[in-house]
Every structure is written in structure tokens, then in C-alpha cells.
């Protein structure tokens, strides 16, 4: 039996041929129906994987990661660079350090 996905990254799930519960219809509806979405769910409820899935769709499109999913023949968005930020690596004790680290991440992306 294949492993159930335990990753925060859709690319790893596909490469390892893991079981993935297809939620792409919901993601499609979120991206089409709303300008902004706030994700607030308990720990270990798939926020990171959901955001990674959205990021992969916008950055890489549907091939090859979404073959066999609901969204595969429906996604027609152009591809865009996606900024991934983890606030865990920014300073929490000094606002000046936080601002500098945050700006550096934006500059690296740009």
C-alpha cells in the first residue's frame, strides 16, 4: 500500500507516489471566488500543504504535479513567481532586526 501524504509539499507527494486527498476543487473555487482568503485552522490540519498547493499552481501550473486531480483540465492561470515567507526565521526580540531580515527576504526574491 502506498504511503499517505505526510508532506507540506505537493511536489514531494507526487514524486514519492503517495496517496493525496484531492482538494483542488476547493482551491480552484477559493482562487476564483475571493480576492483574499485567511487560513485559520488548528495545527496539523494542512494549512502548509494547502498554501504550497496554491503556490505550485500559480508558479508551475498543473503539469506534472496535478495530473489525475480535479483541477488538471480546468486551471488556465498564467504562471507567476511566488514569494514563500517563513516568519519563524525572523527576529522576535528586536523590531529593527525583524524589519531588516524581512526586507532582505523581499530583496532576495525581487
PDB file of N, CA and C in Angstrom:
ATOM      1  N   UNK A   1       0.843  -1.186   0.000  1.00  0.00           N
ATOM      2  CA  UNK A   1       0.000   0.000   0.000  1.00  0.00           C
ATOM      3  C   UNK A   1       0.883   1.241   0.000  1.00  0.00           C
ATOM      4  N   UNK A   2       0.486   2.245  -0.759  1.00  0.00           N
ATOM      5  CA  UNK A   2       1.230   3.490  -0.828  1.00  0.00           C
ATOM      6  C   UNK A   2       1.094   4.244   0.486  1.00  0.00           C
ATOM      7  N   UNK A   3       2.090   5.094   0.747  1.00  0.00           N
ATOM      8  CA  UNK A   3       2.044   5.923   1.941  1.00  0.00           C
ATOM      9  C   UNK A   3       1.045   7.058   1.777  1.00  0.00           C
ATOM     10  N   UNK A   4       0.370   7.392   2.852  1.00  0.00           N
ATOM     11  CA  UNK A   4      -0.485   8.572   2.854  1.00  0.00           C
ATOM     12  C   UNK A   4       0.432   9.782   2.974  1.00  0.00           C
ATOM     13  N   UNK A   5       0.111  10.835   2.262  1.00  0.00           N
ATOM     14  CA  UNK A   5       0.955  12.024   2.224  1.00  0.00           C
ATOM     15  C   UNK A   5       1.203  12.575   3.617  1.00  0.00           C
ATOM     16  N   UNK A   6       2.478  12.783   3.925  1.00  0.00           N
ATOM     17  CA  UNK A   6       2.848  13.385   5.203  1.00  0.00           C
ATOM     18  C   UNK A   6       3.779  14.570   4.948  1.00  0.00           C
ATOM     19  N   UNK A   7       3.590  15.229   3.859  1.00  0.00           N
ATOM     20  CA  UNK A   7       4.484  16.306   3.455  1.00  0.00           C
ATOM     21  C   UNK A   7       3.719  17.611   3.366  1.00  0.00           C
ATOM     22  N   UNK A   8       4.467  18.714   3.451  1.00  0.00           N
ATOM     23  CA  UNK A   8       3.878  20.033   3.249  1.00  0.00           C
ATOM     24  C   UNK A   8       4.063  20.474   1.808  1.00  0.00           C
ATOM     25  N   UNK A   9       4.553  19.589   0.954  1.00  0.00           N
ATOM     26  CA  UNK A   9       4.948  19.970  -0.388  1.00  0.00           C
ATOM     27  C   UNK A   9       4.317  19.030  -1.414  1.00  0.00           C
ATOM     28  N   UNK A  10       3.493  19.574  -2.287  1.00  0.00           N
ATOM     29  CA  UNK A  10       2.788  18.765  -3.287  1.00  0.00           C
ATOM     30  C   UNK A  10       3.773  18.064  -4.219  1.00  0.00           C
ATOM     31  N   UNK A  11       4.904  18.695  -4.503  1.00  0.00           N
ATOM     32  CA  UNK A  11       5.897  18.092  -5.388  1.00  0.00           C
ATOM     33  C   UNK A  11       6.453  16.800  -4.785  1.00  0.00           C
ATOM     34  N   UNK A  12       6.733  16.810  -3.483  1.00  0.00           N
ATOM     35  CA  UNK A  12       7.240  15.604  -2.807  1.00  0.00           C
ATOM     36  C   UNK A  12       6.197  14.487  -2.829  1.00  0.00           C
ATOM     37  N   UNK A  13       4.950  14.849  -2.653  1.00  0.00           N
ATOM     38  CA  UNK A  13       3.875  13.852  -2.640  1.00  0.00           C
ATOM     39  C   UNK A  13       3.797  13.148  -3.988  1.00  0.00           C
ATOM     40  N   UNK A  14       3.887  13.922  -5.061  1.00  0.00           N
ATOM     41  CA  UNK A  14       3.809  13.344  -6.410  1.00  0.00           C
ATOM     42  C   UNK A  14       5.044  12.496  -6.697  1.00  0.00           C
ATOM     43  N   UNK A  15       6.218  13.020  -6.353  1.00  0.00           N
ATOM     44  CA  UNK A  15       7.466  12.295  -6.631  1.00  0.00           C
ATOM     45  C   UNK A  15       7.546  10.971  -5.873  1.00  0.00           C
ATOM     46  N   UNK A  16       6.995  10.927  -4.665  1.00  0.00           N
ATOM     47  CA  UNK A  16       7.031   9.699  -3.866  1.00  0.00           C
ATOM     48  C   UNK A  16       5.831   8.800  -4.134  1.00  0.00           C
ATOM     49  N   UNK A  17       4.949   9.239  -5.033  1.00  0.00           N
ATOM     50  CA  UNK A  17       3.760   8.472  -5.394  1.00  0.00           C
ATOM     51  C   UNK A  17       2.917   8.139  -4.166  1.00  0.00           C
ATOM     52  N   UNK A  18       2.770   9.137  -3.290  1.00  0.00           N
ATOM     53  CA  UNK A  18       1.989   8.964  -2.062  1.00  0.00           C
ATOM     54  C   UNK A  18       0.507   9.179  -2.337  1.00  0.00           C
ATOM     55  N   UNK A  19      -0.324   8.758  -1.406  1.00  0.00           N
ATOM     56  CA  UNK A  19      -1.760   8.998  -1.500  1.00  0.00           C
ATOM     57  C   UNK A  19      -2.027  10.458  -1.156  1.00  0.00           C
ATOM     58  N   UNK A  20      -2.812  11.118  -1.983  1.00  0.00           N
ATOM     59  CA  UNK A  20      -3.146  12.524  -1.783  1.00  0.00           C
ATOM     60  C   UNK A  20      -4.654  12.674  -1.902  1.00  0.00           C
ATOM     61  N   UNK A  21      -5.277  13.270  -0.890  1.00  0.00           N
ATOM     62  CA  UNK A  21      -6.714  13.537  -0.941  1.00  0.00           C
ATOM     63  C   UNK A  21      -6.894  14.812  -1.762  1.00  0.00           C
ATOM     64  N   UNK A  22      -7.540  14.679  -2.907  1.00  0.00           N
ATOM     65  CA  UNK A  22      -7.665  15.774  -3.865  1.00  0.00           C
ATOM     66  C   UNK A  22      -8.644  16.836  -3.361  1.00  0.00           C
ATOM     67  N   UNK A  23      -8.089  17.996  -3.013  1.00  0.00           N
ATOM     68  CA  UNK A  23      -8.903  19.131  -2.581  1.00  0.00           C
ATOM     69  C   UNK A  23      -8.802  20.281  -3.577  1.00  0.00           C
ATOM     70  N   UNK A  24      -8.370  19.957  -4.795  1.00  0.00           N
ATOM     71  CA  UNK A  24      -8.118  21.018  -5.769  1.00  0.00           C
ATOM     72  C   UNK A  24      -9.386  21.738  -6.220  1.00  0.00           C
ATOM     73  N   UNK A  25     -10.533  21.091  -6.140  1.00  0.00           N
ATOM     74  CA  UNK A  25     -11.773  21.787  -6.492  1.00  0.00           C
ATOM     75  C   UNK A  25     -12.021  22.941  -5.524  1.00  0.00           C
ATOM     76  N   UNK A  26     -11.760  22.715  -4.240  1.00  0.00           N
ATOM     77  CA  UNK A  26     -11.933  23.768  -3.237  1.00  0.00           C
ATOM     78  C   UNK A  26     -10.930  24.894  -3.461  1.00  0.00           C
ATOM     79  N   UNK A  27      -9.700  24.520  -3.794  1.00  0.00           N
ATOM     80  CA  UNK A  27      -8.664  25.523  -4.055  1.00  0.00           C
ATOM     81  C   UNK A  27      -9.041  26.352  -5.282  1.00  0.00           C
ATOM     82  N   UNK A  28      -9.517  25.708  -6.311  1.00  0.00           N
ATOM     83  CA  UNK A  28      -9.958  26.405  -7.521  1.00  0.00           C
ATOM     84  C   UNK A  28     -11.045  27.418  -7.175  1.00  0.00           C
ATOM     85  N   UNK A  29     -12.027  26.987  -6.398  1.00  0.00           N
ATOM     86  CA  UNK A  29     -13.128  27.878  -6.018  1.00  0.00           C
ATOM     87  C   UNK A  29     -12.637  29.048  -5.173  1.00  0.00           C
ATOM     88  N   UNK A  30     -11.700  28.800  -4.268  1.00  0.00           N
ATOM     89  CA  UNK A  30     -11.136  29.884  -3.463  1.00  0.00           C
ATOM     90  C   UNK A  30     -10.459  30.921  -4.343  1.00  0.00           C
ATOM     91  N   UNK A  31      -9.691  30.462  -5.316  1.00  0.00           N
ATOM     92  CA  UNK A  31      -8.943  31.398  -6.170  1.00  0.00           C
ATOM     93  C   UNK A  31      -9.854  32.136  -7.139  1.00  0.00           C
ATOM     94  N   UNK A  32     -10.969  31.551  -7.509  1.00  0.00           N
ATOM     95  CA  UNK A  32     -11.883  32.199  -8.454  1.00  0.00           C
ATOM     96  C   UNK A  32     -12.898  33.108  -7.762  1.00  0.00           C
ATOM     97  N   UNK A  33     -13.311  32.743  -6.548  1.00  0.00           N
ATOM     98  CA  UNK A  33     -14.418  33.445  -5.897  1.00  0.00           C
ATOM     99  C   UNK A  33     -13.994  34.554  -4.937  1.00  0.00           C
ATOM    100  N   UNK A  34     -12.726  34.568  -4.501  1.00  0.00           N
ATOM    101  CA  UNK A  34     -12.305  35.514  -3.466  1.00  0.00           C
ATOM    102  C   UNK A  34     -11.008  36.210  -3.860  1.00  0.00           C
ATOM    103  N   UNK A  35     -10.892  37.488  -3.482  1.00  0.00           N
ATOM    104  CA  UNK A  35      -9.647  38.223  -3.693  1.00  0.00           C
ATOM    105  C   UNK A  35      -8.630  37.904  -2.603  1.00  0.00           C
ATOM    106  N   UNK A  36      -9.125  37.725  -1.378  1.00  0.00           N
ATOM    107  CA  UNK A  36      -8.262  37.424  -0.230  1.00  0.00           C
ATOM    108  C   UNK A  36      -8.901  36.323   0.598  1.00  0.00           C
ATOM    109  N   UNK A  37      -8.037  35.454   1.136  1.00  0.00           N
ATOM    110  CA  UNK A  37      -8.520  34.366   1.984  1.00  0.00           C
ATOM    111  C   UNK A  37      -7.598  34.280   3.199  1.00  0.00           C
ATOM    112  N   UNK A  38      -8.175  34.148   4.373  1.00  0.00           N
ATOM    113  CA  UNK A  38      -7.408  33.980   5.598  1.00  0.00           C
ATOM    114  C   UNK A  38      -7.566  32.537   6.058  1.00  0.00           C
ATOM    115  N   UNK A  39      -6.448  31.823   6.211  1.00  0.00           N
ATOM    116  CA  UNK A  39      -6.477  30.429   6.661  1.00  0.00           C
ATOM    117  C   UNK A  39      -6.207  30.387   8.151  1.00  0.00           C
ATOM    118  N   UNK A  40      -7.181  29.941   8.904  1.00  0.00           N
ATOM    119  CA  UNK A  40      -7.020  29.780  10.335  1.00  0.00           C
ATOM    120  C   UNK A  40      -7.581  28.420  10.710  1.00  0.00           C
ATOM    121  N   UNK A  41      -6.678  27.484  10.908  1.00  0.00           N
ATOM    122  CA  UNK A  41      -7.085  26.125  11.274  1.00  0.00           C
ATOM    123  C   UNK A  41      -6.126  25.635  12.355  1.00  0.00           C
ATOM    124  N   UNK A  42      -6.510  24.632  13.123  1.00  0.00           N
ATOM    125  CA  UNK A  42      -5.604  24.118  14.156  1.00  0.00           C
ATOM    126  C   UNK A  42      -4.326  23.541  13.556  1.00  0.00           C
ATOM    127  N   UNK A  43      -3.336  23.369  14.399  1.00  0.00           N
ATOM    128  CA  UNK A  43      -2.089  22.740  13.966  1.00  0.00           C
ATOM    129  C   UNK A  43      -2.370  21.379  13.356  1.00  0.00           C
ATOM    130  N   UNK A  44      -1.551  21.019  12.358  1.00  0.00           N
ATOM    131  CA  UNK A  44      -1.596  19.711  11.708  1.00  0.00           C
ATOM    132  C   UNK A  44      -2.870  19.475  10.899  1.00  0.00           C
ATOM    133  N   UNK A  45      -3.504  20.550  10.422  1.00  0.00           N
ATOM    134  CA  UNK A  45      -4.721  20.418   9.624  1.00  0.00           C
ATOM    135  C   UNK A  45      -4.513  20.798   8.165  1.00  0.00           C
ATOM    136  N   UNK A  46      -3.267  20.860   7.700  1.00  0.00           N
ATOM    137  CA  UNK A  46      -2.996  21.010   6.285  1.00  0.00           C
ATOM    138  C   UNK A  46      -2.893  22.415   5.733  1.00  0.00           C
ATOM    139  N   UNK A  47      -2.667  23.407   6.590  1.00  0.00           N
ATOM    140  CA  UNK A  47      -2.528  24.773   6.084  1.00  0.00           C
ATOM    141  C   UNK A  47      -1.329  24.892   5.151  1.00  0.00           C
ATOM    142  N   UNK A  48      -0.204  24.363   5.565  1.00  0.00           N
ATOM    143  CA  UNK A  48       1.024  24.493   4.765  1.00  0.00           C
ATOM    144  C   UNK A  48       0.895  23.776   3.432  1.00  0.00           C
ATOM    145  N   UNK A  49       0.345  22.578   3.435  1.00  0.00           N
ATOM    146  CA  UNK A  49       0.163  21.851   2.179  1.00  0.00           C
ATOM    147  C   UNK A  49      -0.817  22.587   1.266  1.00  0.00           C
ATOM    148  N   UNK A  50      -1.878  23.144   1.824  1.00  0.00           N
ATOM    149  CA  UNK A  50      -2.844  23.888   1.019  1.00  0.00           C
ATOM    150  C   UNK A  50      -2.188  25.108   0.380  1.00  0.00           C
ATOM    151  N   UNK A  51      -1.429  25.861   1.163  1.00  0.00           N
ATOM    152  CA  UNK A  51      -0.762  27.038   0.617  1.00  0.00           C
ATOM    153  C   UNK A  51       0.307  26.649  -0.392  1.00  0.00           C
ATOM    154  N   UNK A  52       1.021  25.556  -0.127  1.00  0.00           N
ATOM    155  CA  UNK A  52       2.018  25.078  -1.088  1.00  0.00           C
ATOM    156  C   UNK A  52       1.355  24.651  -2.390  1.00  0.00           C
ATOM    157  N   UNK A  53       0.201  24.017  -2.298  1.00  0.00           N
ATOM    158  CA  UNK A  53      -0.530  23.593  -3.486  1.00  0.00           C
ATOM    159  C   UNK A  53      -0.945  24.811  -4.314  1.00  0.00           C
ATOM    160  N   UNK A  54      -1.455  25.835  -3.655  1.00  0.00           N
ATOM    161  CA  UNK A  54      -1.836  27.066  -4.354  1.00  0.00           C
ATOM    162  C   UNK A  54      -0.608  27.703  -5.001  1.00  0.00           C
ATOM    163  N   UNK A  55       0.485  27.781  -4.250  1.00  0.00           N
ATOM    164  CA  UNK A  55       1.717  28.356  -4.785  1.00  0.00           C
ATOM    165  C   UNK A  55       2.237  27.591  -5.991  1.00  0.00           C
ATOM    166  N   UNK A  56       2.193  26.263  -5.935  1.00  0.00           N
ATOM    167  CA  UNK A  56       2.655  25.433  -7.052  1.00  0.00           C
ATOM    168  C   UNK A  56       1.789  25.650  -8.283  1.00  0.00           C
ATOM    169  N   UNK A  57       0.489  25.758  -8.096  1.00  0.00           N
ATOM    170  CA  UNK A  57      -0.400  26.021  -9.231  1.00  0.00           C
ATOM    171  C   UNK A  57      -0.045  27.340  -9.917  1.00  0.00           C
ATOM    172  N   UNK A  58       0.156  28.391  -9.125  1.00  0.00           N
ATOM    173  CA  UNK A  58       0.452  29.691  -9.712  1.00  0.00           C
ATOM    174  C   UNK A  58       1.864  29.764 -10.295  1.00  0.00           C
ATOM    175  N   UNK A  59       2.805  29.080  -9.663  1.00  0.00           N
ATOM    176  CA  UNK A  59       4.199  29.185 -10.094  1.00  0.00           C
ATOM    177  C   UNK A  59       4.555  28.211 -11.217  1.00  0.00           C
ATOM    178  N   UNK A  60       3.995  26.982 -11.172  1.00  0.00           N
ATOM    179  CA  UNK A  60       4.396  25.942 -12.114  1.00  0.00           C
ATOM    180  C   UNK A  60       3.272  25.423 -12.994  1.00  0.00           C
ATOM    181  N   UNK A  61       2.040  25.759 -12.664  1.00  0.00           N
ATOM    182  CA  UNK A  61       0.907  25.255 -13.440  1.00  0.00           C
ATOM    183  C   UNK A  61       0.550  23.838 -13.025  1.00  0.00           C
ATOM    184  N   UNK A  62      -0.209  23.144 -13.866  1.00  0.00           N
ATOM    185  CA  UNK A  62      -0.718  21.825 -13.494  1.00  0.00           C
ATOM    186  C   UNK A  62       0.207  20.666 -13.859  1.00  0.00           C
ATOM    187  N   UNK A  63       1.060  20.856 -14.843  1.00  0.00           N
ATOM    188  CA  UNK A  63       1.969  19.759 -15.239  1.00  0.00           C
ATOM    189  C   UNK A  63       3.263  19.819 -14.473  1.00  0.00           C
ATOM    190  N   UNK A  64       3.766  18.741 -13.970  1.00  0.00           N
ATOM    191  CA  UNK A  64       3.206  17.396 -13.949  1.00  0.00           C
ATOM    192  C   UNK A  64       2.501  17.065 -12.635  1.00  0.00           C
ATOM    193  N   UNK A  65       2.432  18.027 -11.735  1.00  0.00           N
ATOM    194  CA  UNK A  65       2.046  17.732 -10.354  1.00  0.00           C
ATOM    195  C   UNK A  65       0.565  17.469 -10.140  1.00  0.00           C
ATOM    196  N   UNK A  66      -0.290  17.860 -11.056  1.00  0.00           N
ATOM    197  CA  UNK A  66      -1.717  17.740 -10.810  1.00  0.00           C
ATOM    198  C   UNK A  66      -2.438  16.808 -11.783  1.00  0.00           C
ATOM    199  N   UNK A  67      -1.690  15.993 -12.496  1.00  0.00           N
ATOM    200  CA  UNK A  67      -2.335  15.005 -13.370  1.00  0.00           C
ATOM    201  C   UNK A  67      -3.193  14.087 -12.508  1.00  0.00           C
ATOM    202  N   UNK A  68      -4.404  13.843 -12.958  1.00  0.00           N
ATOM    203  CA  UNK A  68      -5.308  12.970 -12.216  1.00  0.00           C
ATOM    204  C   UNK A  68      -6.108  13.666 -11.138  1.00  0.00           C
ATOM    205  N   UNK A  69      -5.938  14.972 -10.984  1.00  0.00           N
ATOM    206  CA  UNK A  69      -6.725  15.702  -9.989  1.00  0.00           C
ATOM    207  C   UNK A  69      -7.858  16.466 -10.677  1.00  0.00           C
ATOM    208  N   UNK A  70      -8.785  16.932  -9.884  1.00  0.00           N
ATOM    209  CA  UNK A  70      -9.949  17.642 -10.391  1.00  0.00           C
ATOM    210  C   UNK A  70      -9.549  18.867 -11.199  1.00  0.00           C
ATOM    211  N   UNK A  71      -8.526  19.570 -10.765  1.00  0.00           N
ATOM    212  CA  UNK A  71      -8.175  20.864 -11.339  1.00  0.00           C
ATOM    213  C   UNK A  71      -7.404  20.771 -12.652  1.00  0.00           C
ATOM    214  N   UNK A  72      -6.907  19.598 -12.992  1.00  0.00           N
ATOM    215  CA  UNK A  72      -5.956  19.441 -14.093  1.00  0.00           C
ATOM    216  C   UNK A  72      -6.419  20.078 -15.403  1.00  0.00           C
ATOM    217  N   UNK A  73      -7.636  19.852 -15.813  1.00  0.00           N
ATOM    218  CA  UNK A  73      -8.086  20.393 -17.098  1.00  0.00           C
ATOM    219  C   UNK A  73      -8.874  21.697 -16.955  1.00  0.00           C
ATOM    220  N   UNK A  74      -8.879  22.269 -15.754  1.00  0.00           N
ATOM    221  CA  UNK A  74      -9.643  23.493 -15.517  1.00  0.00           C
ATOM    222  C   UNK A  74      -8.761  24.715 -15.244  1.00  0.00           C
ATOM    223  N   UNK A  75      -7.544  24.484 -14.807  1.00  0.00           N
ATOM    224  CA  UNK A  75      -6.652  25.584 -14.421  1.00  0.00           C
ATOM    225  C   UNK A  75      -6.073  26.236 -15.672  1.00  0.00           C
ATOM    226  N   UNK A  76      -6.339  27.543 -15.833  1.00  0.00           N
ATOM    227  CA  UNK A  76      -5.857  28.241 -17.020  1.00  0.00           C
ATOM    228  C   UNK A  76      -5.113  29.533 -16.681  1.00  0.00           C
ATOM    229  N   UNK A  77      -4.697  29.657 -15.434  1.00  0.00           N
ATOM    230  CA  UNK A  77      -3.970  30.844 -14.996  1.00  0.00           C
ATOM    231  C   UNK A  77      -2.576  30.900 -15.622  1.00  0.00           C
ATOM    232  N   UNK A  78      -2.095  32.106 -15.841  1.00  0.00           N
ATOM    233  CA  UNK A  78      -0.701  32.288 -16.226  1.00  0.00           C
ATOM    234  C   UNK A  78       0.173  31.919 -15.037  1.00  0.00           C
ATOM    235  N   UNK A  79       1.461  31.693 -15.290  1.00  0.00           N
ATOM    236  CA  UNK A  79       2.405  31.375 -14.217  1.00  0.00           C
ATOM    237  C   UNK A  79       3.036  32.662 -13.705  1.00  0.00           C
ATOM    238  N   UNK A  80       3.242  32.709 -12.390  1.00  0.00           N
ATOM    239  CA  UNK A  80       3.812  33.874 -11.725  1.00  0.00           C
ATOM    240  C   UNK A  80       4.833  33.419 -10.687  1.00  0.00           C
ATOM    241  N   UNK A  81       5.827  34.262 -10.406  1.00  0.00           N
ATOM    242  CA  UNK A  81       6.722  33.939  -9.283  1.00  0.00           C
ATOM    243  C   UNK A  81       5.925  34.015  -7.973  1.00  0.00           C
ATOM    244  N   UNK A  82       6.232  33.141  -7.047  1.00  0.00           N
ATOM    245  CA  UNK A  82       5.528  33.093  -5.767  1.00  0.00           C
ATOM    246  C   UNK A  82       6.545  33.288  -4.647  1.00  0.00           C
ATOM    247  N   UNK A  83       6.275  34.227  -3.768  1.00  0.00           N
ATOM    248  CA  UNK A  83       7.137  34.506  -2.629  1.00  0.00           C
ATOM    249  C   UNK A  83       6.715  33.624  -1.457  1.00  0.00           C
ATOM    250  N   UNK A  84       7.656  32.835  -0.948  1.00  0.00           N
ATOM    251  CA  UNK A  84       7.410  31.973   0.213  1.00  0.00           C
ATOM    252  C   UNK A  84       8.129  32.591   1.409  1.00  0.00           C
ATOM    253  N   UNK A  85       7.382  32.969   2.428  1.00  0.00           N
ATOM    254  CA  UNK A  85       7.969  33.559   3.630  1.00  0.00           C
ATOM    255  C   UNK A  85       7.687  32.677   4.834  1.00  0.00           C
ATOM    256  N   UNK A  86       8.723  32.433   5.620  1.00  0.00           N
ATOM    257  CA  UNK A  86       8.545  31.761   6.899  1.00  0.00           C
ATOM    258  C   UNK A  86       8.976  32.735   7.988  1.00  0.00           C
ATOM    259  N   UNK A  87       8.055  33.151   8.800  1.00  0.00           N
ATOM    260  CA  UNK A  87       8.358  34.118   9.848  1.00  0.00           C
ATOM    261  C   UNK A  87       9.105  33.477  11.018  1.00  0.00           C
ATOM    262  N   UNK A  88       9.277  32.182  10.991  1.00  0.00           N
ATOM    263  CA  UNK A  88      10.000  31.502  12.058  1.00  0.00           C
ATOM    264  C   UNK A  88      11.465  31.905  12.107  1.00  0.00           C
ATOM    265  N   UNK A  89      12.020  32.308  10.975  1.00  0.00           N
ATOM    266  CA  UNK A  89      13.448  32.644  10.964  1.00  0.00           C
ATOM    267  C   UNK A  89      13.717  34.130  11.203  1.00  0.00           C
ATOM    268  N   UNK A  90      12.691  34.916  11.424  1.00  0.00           N
ATOM    269  CA  UNK A  90      12.878  36.343  11.685  1.00  0.00           C
ATOM    270  C   UNK A  90      12.971  36.604  13.184  1.00  0.00           C
ATOM    271  N   UNK A  91      13.678  37.666  13.537  1.00  0.00           N
ATOM    272  CA  UNK A  91      13.855  38.046  14.935  1.00  0.00           C
ATOM    273  C   UNK A  91      12.504  38.358  15.582  1.00  0.00           C
ATOM    274  N   UNK A  92      12.340  37.901  16.809  1.00  0.00           N
ATOM    275  CA  UNK A  92      11.122  38.219  17.564  1.00  0.00           C
ATOM    276  C   UNK A  92      11.427  39.155  18.722  1.00  0.00           C
ATOM    277  N   UNK A  93      12.707  39.454  18.936  1.00  0.00           N
ATOM    278  CA  UNK A  93      13.098  40.277  20.081  1.00  0.00           C
ATOM    279  C   UNK A  93      13.435  41.714  19.719  1.00  0.00           C
ATOM    280  N   UNK A  94      13.702  41.962  18.456  1.00  0.00           N
ATOM    281  CA  UNK A  94      14.146  43.288  18.055  1.00  0.00           C
ATOM    282  C   UNK A  94      13.445  43.698  16.759  1.00  0.00           C
ATOM    283  N   UNK A  95      12.666  44.762  16.829  1.00  0.00           N
ATOM    284  CA  UNK A  95      11.888  45.202  15.670  1.00  0.00           C
ATOM    285  C   UNK A  95      12.797  45.623  14.511  1.00  0.00           C
ATOM    286  N   UNK A  96      13.902  46.271  14.817  1.00  0.00           N
ATOM    287  CA  UNK A  96      14.827  46.693  13.768  1.00  0.00           C
ATOM    288  C   UNK A  96      15.406  45.483  13.046  1.00  0.00           C
ATOM    289  N   UNK A  97      15.799  44.460  13.800  1.00  0.00           N
ATOM    290  CA  UNK A  97      16.314  43.228  13.188  1.00  0.00           C
ATOM    291  C   UNK A  97      15.227  42.548  12.344  1.00  0.00           C
ATOM    292  N   UNK A  98      14.026  42.518  12.875  1.00  0.00           N
ATOM    293  CA  UNK A  98      12.921  41.916  12.128  1.00  0.00           C
ATOM    294  C   UNK A  98      12.729  42.629  10.791  1.00  0.00           C
ATOM    295  N   UNK A  99      12.669  43.949  10.816  1.00  0.00           N
ATOM    296  CA  UNK A  99      12.466  44.718   9.584  1.00  0.00           C
ATOM    297  C   UNK A  99      13.593  44.454   8.586  1.00  0.00           C
ATOM    298  N   UNK A 100      14.843  44.423   9.080  1.00  0.00           N
ATOM    299  CA  UNK A 100      15.986  44.188   8.204  1.00  0.00           C
ATOM    300  C   UNK A 100      15.907  42.800   7.584  1.00  0.00           C
ATOM    301  N   UNK A 101      15.630  41.783   8.386  1.00  0.00           N
ATOM    302  CA  UNK A 101      15.534  40.405   7.888  1.00  0.00           C
ATOM    303  C   UNK A 101      14.379  40.262   6.900  1.00  0.00           C
ATOM    304  N   UNK A 102      13.261  40.881   7.216  1.00  0.00           N
ATOM    305  CA  UNK A 102      12.094  40.828   6.331  1.00  0.00           C
ATOM    306  C   UNK A 102      12.413  41.485   4.989  1.00  0.00           C
ATOM    307  N   UNK A 103      12.989  42.682   5.036  1.00  0.00           N
ATOM    308  CA  UNK A 103      13.357  43.391   3.795  1.00  0.00           C
ATOM    309  C   UNK A 103      14.378  42.603   2.983  1.00  0.00           C
ATOM    310  N   UNK A 104      15.327  41.967   3.648  1.00  0.00           N
ATOM    311  CA  UNK A 104      16.313  41.155   2.935  1.00  0.00           C
ATOM    312  C   UNK A 104      15.668  40.003   2.175  1.00  0.00           C
ATOM    313  N   UNK A 105      14.660  39.381   2.770  1.00  0.00           N
ATOM    314  CA  UNK A 105      13.956  38.297   2.088  1.00  0.00           C
ATOM    315  C   UNK A 105      13.220  38.827   0.852  1.00  0.00           C
ATOM    316  N   UNK A 106      12.606  39.980   0.995  1.00  0.00           N
ATOM    317  CA  UNK A 106      11.907  40.584  -0.149  1.00  0.00           C
ATOM    318  C   UNK A 106      12.905  40.937  -1.249  1.00  0.00           C
ATOM    319  N   UNK A 107      14.035  41.505  -0.868  1.00  0.00           N
ATOM    320  CA  UNK A 107      15.070  41.862  -1.842  1.00  0.00           C
ATOM    321  C   UNK A 107      15.620  40.643  -2.564  1.00  0.00           C
ATOM    322  N   UNK A 108      15.854  39.560  -1.826  1.00  0.00           N
ATOM    323  CA  UNK A 108      16.350  38.323  -2.451  1.00  0.00           C
ATOM    324  C   UNK A 108      15.348  37.806  -3.491  1.00  0.00           C
ATOM    325  N   UNK A 109      14.082  37.898  -3.166  1.00  0.00           N
ATOM    326  CA  UNK A 109      13.046  37.446  -4.090  1.00  0.00           C
ATOM    327  C   UNK A 109      12.987  38.331  -5.331  1.00  0.00           C
ATOM    328  N   UNK A 110      13.081  39.645  -5.104  1.00  0.00           N
ATOM    329  CA  UNK A 110      12.981  40.596  -6.218  1.00  0.00           C
ATOM    330  C   UNK A 110      14.196  40.481  -7.120  1.00  0.00           C
TER     331      UNK A 110
END
